[in-house]
Amino acid sequence: MTNKINYTDAPADIEQALDAAMTINDALLPEPSELIRKVEKEKITIALDKNSLDLFKQYADKHDAKYQVMINGVLSAYANKFLAHK
């Protein structure tokens, strides 16, 4: 498919969204085996900003998820991206 469609009559917000869109090579990532990963966990006590914690809790409630898992995911992604290569 080499034909590229130019949407010249799209509303401005849609045009901007299309311009800012990213290409996803494989939408089926991660593989199922990667979803069932067992990593060592350590329980800690931590003080978080109330506003941040409330946002995680609200999003978790809305999407039937666990806010602790979400926070752990953010911290893991940060550590992998910024700290693992130092």
N, C-alpha and C. Protein backbone atom coordinates (compact mmCIF):
# COMPACT_ATOMS: atom_id res chain seq x y z
N MET A 1 0.83 -1.17 0.00
CA MET A 1 0.00 0.00 0.00
C MET A 1 0.88 1.24 0.00
N THR A 2 1.12 1.77 -1.13
CA THR A 2 1.95 2.96 -1.24
C THR A 2 1.12 4.22 -1.42
N ASN A 3 -0.17 4.06 -1.64
CA ASN A 3 -1.03 5.23 -1.81
C ASN A 3 -1.29 5.87 -0.45
N LYS A 4 -0.94 7.13 -0.31
CA LYS A 4 -1.19 7.85 0.92
C LYS A 4 -2.36 8.80 0.68
N ILE A 5 -3.34 8.72 1.56
CA ILE A 5 -4.52 9.57 1.43
C ILE A 5 -4.24 10.87 2.16
N ASN A 6 -4.53 11.97 1.53
CA ASN A 6 -4.36 13.28 2.14
C ASN A 6 -5.73 13.80 2.53
N TYR A 7 -5.98 13.90 3.83
CA TYR A 7 -7.27 14.35 4.33
C TYR A 7 -7.25 15.87 4.46
N THR A 8 -7.58 16.55 3.40
CA THR A 8 -7.52 18.01 3.41
C THR A 8 -8.78 18.64 3.99
N ASP A 9 -9.87 17.89 4.05
CA ASP A 9 -11.11 18.47 4.54
C ASP A 9 -11.45 18.01 5.96
N ALA A 10 -10.50 17.40 6.66
CA ALA A 10 -10.75 16.93 8.02
C ALA A 10 -10.79 18.13 8.98
N PRO A 11 -11.62 18.04 10.03
CA PRO A 11 -11.62 19.11 11.03
C PRO A 11 -10.22 19.26 11.63
N ALA A 12 -9.91 20.45 12.13
CA ALA A 12 -8.56 20.75 12.61
C ALA A 12 -8.09 19.80 13.70
N ASP A 13 -8.98 19.46 14.66
CA ASP A 13 -8.55 18.59 15.75
C ASP A 13 -8.22 17.18 15.25
N ILE A 14 -8.98 16.70 14.28
CA ILE A 14 -8.69 15.38 13.71
C ILE A 14 -7.42 15.44 12.88
N GLU A 15 -7.25 16.50 12.14
CA GLU A 15 -6.03 16.67 11.34
C GLU A 15 -4.80 16.69 12.25
N GLN A 16 -4.89 17.40 13.36
CA GLN A 16 -3.78 17.46 14.30
C GLN A 16 -3.52 16.09 14.91
N ALA A 17 -4.56 15.37 15.24
CA ALA A 17 -4.40 14.03 15.81
C ALA A 17 -3.74 13.10 14.81
N LEU A 18 -4.14 13.18 13.56
CA LEU A 18 -3.53 12.34 12.53
C LEU A 18 -2.06 12.69 12.32
N ASP A 19 -1.76 13.98 12.35
CA ASP A 19 -0.37 14.41 12.20
C ASP A 19 0.50 13.93 13.35
N ALA A 20 -0.07 13.88 14.55
CA ALA A 20 0.69 13.49 15.74
C ALA A 20 0.67 11.98 15.98
N ALA A 21 -0.07 11.23 15.18
CA ALA A 21 -0.21 9.79 15.39
C ALA A 21 1.11 9.06 15.16
N MET A 22 1.29 7.98 15.92
CA MET A 22 2.48 7.15 15.77
C MET A 22 2.09 5.84 15.10
N THR A 23 3.00 5.30 14.32
CA THR A 23 2.78 4.00 13.70
C THR A 23 3.09 2.90 14.71
N ILE A 24 2.20 1.93 14.84
CA ILE A 24 2.42 0.80 15.73
C ILE A 24 2.71 -0.41 14.85
N ASN A 25 3.91 -0.95 15.00
CA ASN A 25 4.31 -2.08 14.16
C ASN A 25 3.58 -3.35 14.52
N ASP A 26 3.37 -3.61 15.80
CA ASP A 26 2.71 -4.84 16.22
C ASP A 26 1.84 -4.53 17.43
N ALA A 27 0.56 -4.55 17.26
CA ALA A 27 -0.35 -4.22 18.34
C ALA A 27 -0.52 -5.38 19.32
N LEU A 28 0.04 -6.52 19.02
CA LEU A 28 -0.12 -7.69 19.88
C LEU A 28 1.10 -7.88 20.79
N LEU A 29 1.64 -6.79 21.27
CA LEU A 29 2.75 -6.86 22.21
C LEU A 29 2.28 -6.35 23.55
N PRO A 30 2.71 -6.84 24.65
CA PRO A 30 3.63 -7.95 24.80
C PRO A 30 2.95 -9.28 24.52
N GLU A 31 3.79 -10.29 24.33
CA GLU A 31 3.26 -11.64 24.11
C GLU A 31 2.62 -12.14 25.40
N PRO A 32 1.65 -13.06 25.29
CA PRO A 32 0.97 -13.56 26.49
C PRO A 32 1.93 -14.09 27.55
N SER A 33 3.01 -14.72 27.13
CA SER A 33 3.96 -15.26 28.11
C SER A 33 4.60 -14.15 28.94
N GLU A 34 4.70 -12.96 28.37
CA GLU A 34 5.30 -11.84 29.09
C GLU A 34 4.33 -11.24 30.10
N LEU A 35 3.05 -11.51 29.95
CA LEU A 35 2.05 -10.97 30.88
C LEU A 35 2.04 -11.73 32.20
N ILE A 36 2.51 -12.97 32.16
CA ILE A 36 2.51 -13.81 33.36
C ILE A 36 3.93 -13.89 33.89
N ARG A 37 4.45 -12.76 34.27
CA ARG A 37 5.81 -12.75 34.76
C ARG A 37 5.82 -12.66 36.27
N LYS A 38 6.64 -13.48 36.84
CA LYS A 38 6.79 -13.47 38.28
C LYS A 38 8.11 -12.79 38.59
N VAL A 39 8.03 -11.67 39.24
CA VAL A 39 9.23 -10.97 39.66
C VAL A 39 9.19 -10.86 41.18
N GLU A 40 10.36 -10.86 41.76
CA GLU A 40 10.45 -10.76 43.20
C GLU A 40 9.92 -9.40 43.65
N LYS A 41 9.09 -9.42 44.66
CA LYS A 41 8.51 -8.19 45.19
C LYS A 41 8.99 -8.01 46.63
N GLU A 42 9.06 -6.77 47.04
CA GLU A 42 9.41 -6.46 48.41
C GLU A 42 8.42 -5.42 48.92
N LYS A 43 7.79 -5.73 50.04
CA LYS A 43 6.82 -4.80 50.61
C LYS A 43 7.57 -3.70 51.34
N ILE A 44 7.11 -2.46 51.09
CA ILE A 44 7.71 -1.29 51.74
C ILE A 44 6.59 -0.36 52.19
N THR A 45 6.96 0.60 52.99
CA THR A 45 6.05 1.68 53.35
C THR A 45 6.57 2.92 52.66
N ILE A 46 5.68 3.63 51.98
CA ILE A 46 6.10 4.81 51.23
C ILE A 46 5.04 5.89 51.38
N ALA A 47 5.48 7.12 51.46
CA ALA A 47 4.56 8.25 51.51
C ALA A 47 4.50 8.87 50.11
N LEU A 48 3.30 8.99 49.58
CA LEU A 48 3.10 9.54 48.24
C LEU A 48 2.27 10.81 48.33
N ASP A 49 2.41 11.66 47.33
CA ASP A 49 1.55 12.84 47.25
C ASP A 49 0.10 12.40 47.18
N LYS A 50 -0.76 12.99 48.00
CA LYS A 50 -2.18 12.62 48.02
C LYS A 50 -2.81 12.76 46.65
N ASN A 51 -2.50 13.85 45.95
CA ASN A 51 -3.08 14.08 44.63
C ASN A 51 -2.71 12.95 43.66
N SER A 52 -1.44 12.56 43.66
CA SER A 52 -0.99 11.49 42.77
C SER A 52 -1.69 10.17 43.11
N LEU A 53 -1.72 9.85 44.40
CA LEU A 53 -2.34 8.60 44.82
C LEU A 53 -3.82 8.59 44.47
N ASP A 54 -4.50 9.70 44.70
CA ASP A 54 -5.93 9.80 44.36
C ASP A 54 -6.16 9.56 42.87
N LEU A 55 -5.28 10.10 42.02
CA LEU A 55 -5.43 9.91 40.58
C LEU A 55 -5.28 8.43 40.20
N PHE A 56 -4.28 7.76 40.79
CA PHE A 56 -4.10 6.33 40.52
C PHE A 56 -5.32 5.54 40.99
N LYS A 57 -5.83 5.86 42.18
CA LYS A 57 -7.00 5.15 42.71
C LYS A 57 -8.22 5.36 41.84
N GLN A 58 -8.44 6.60 41.39
CA GLN A 58 -9.60 6.89 40.53
C GLN A 58 -9.51 6.12 39.21
N TYR A 59 -8.33 6.13 38.60
CA TYR A 59 -8.15 5.43 37.33
C TYR A 59 -8.32 3.93 37.53
N ALA A 60 -7.77 3.41 38.62
CA ALA A 60 -7.89 1.98 38.90
C ALA A 60 -9.35 1.59 39.11
N ASP A 61 -10.10 2.38 39.87
CA ASP A 61 -11.52 2.09 40.07
C ASP A 61 -12.28 2.12 38.76
N LYS A 62 -11.98 3.09 37.94
CA LYS A 62 -12.69 3.24 36.66
C LYS A 62 -12.43 2.05 35.73
N HIS A 63 -11.22 1.46 35.82
CA HIS A 63 -10.84 0.40 34.90
C HIS A 63 -10.72 -0.96 35.59
N ASP A 64 -11.31 -1.08 36.78
CA ASP A 64 -11.31 -2.34 37.53
C ASP A 64 -9.89 -2.91 37.63
N ALA A 65 -8.97 -2.08 38.08
CA ALA A 65 -7.57 -2.48 38.21
C ALA A 65 -7.11 -2.22 39.64
N LYS A 66 -5.88 -2.58 39.92
CA LYS A 66 -5.29 -2.36 41.24
C LYS A 66 -4.30 -1.21 41.14
N TYR A 67 -4.50 -0.21 41.98
CA TYR A 67 -3.66 0.98 41.87
C TYR A 67 -2.21 0.69 42.25
N GLN A 68 -1.98 -0.28 43.17
CA GLN A 68 -0.61 -0.60 43.53
C GLN A 68 0.15 -1.19 42.35
N VAL A 69 -0.53 -2.00 41.56
CA VAL A 69 0.09 -2.60 40.37
C VAL A 69 0.42 -1.52 39.35
N MET A 70 -0.48 -0.53 39.23
CA MET A 70 -0.22 0.57 38.30
C MET A 70 0.99 1.39 38.73
N ILE A 71 1.07 1.70 40.01
CA ILE A 71 2.21 2.47 40.51
C ILE A 71 3.50 1.68 40.31
N ASN A 72 3.47 0.38 40.60
CA ASN A 72 4.64 -0.46 40.39
C ASN A 72 5.05 -0.46 38.92
N GLY A 73 4.08 -0.48 38.02
CA GLY A 73 4.38 -0.45 36.59
C GLY A 73 5.07 0.84 36.17
N VAL A 74 4.61 1.96 36.72
CA VAL A 74 5.23 3.25 36.41
C VAL A 74 6.67 3.28 36.93
N LEU A 75 6.87 2.83 38.16
CA LEU A 75 8.21 2.82 38.74
C LEU A 75 9.14 1.88 37.99
N SER A 76 8.63 0.71 37.59
CA SER A 76 9.45 -0.23 36.83
C SER A 76 9.85 0.33 35.47
N ALA A 77 8.90 0.96 34.78
CA ALA A 77 9.20 1.55 33.48
C ALA A 77 10.23 2.65 33.62
N TYR A 78 10.10 3.47 34.64
CA TYR A 78 11.06 4.55 34.87
C TYR A 78 12.45 3.96 35.15
N ALA A 79 12.50 2.97 36.04
CA ALA A 79 13.78 2.36 36.38
C ALA A 79 14.43 1.72 35.16
N ASN A 80 13.64 1.02 34.36
CA ASN A 80 14.19 0.37 33.17
C ASN A 80 14.70 1.37 32.15
N LYS A 81 14.01 2.48 32.01
CA LYS A 81 14.40 3.45 31.00
C LYS A 81 15.55 4.34 31.45
N PHE A 82 15.52 4.81 32.67
CA PHE A 82 16.48 5.82 33.09
C PHE A 82 17.59 5.33 34.01
N LEU A 83 17.34 4.25 34.73
CA LEU A 83 18.33 3.83 35.73
C LEU A 83 19.10 2.57 35.34
N ALA A 84 18.53 1.72 34.53
CA ALA A 84 19.18 0.45 34.20
C ALA A 84 20.45 0.62 33.39
N HIS A 85 20.59 1.70 32.66
CA HIS A 85 21.73 1.87 31.76
C HIS A 85 22.85 2.69 32.38
N LYS A 86 22.77 2.98 33.65
CA LYS A 86 23.80 3.81 34.31
C LYS A 86 24.85 2.97 34.95
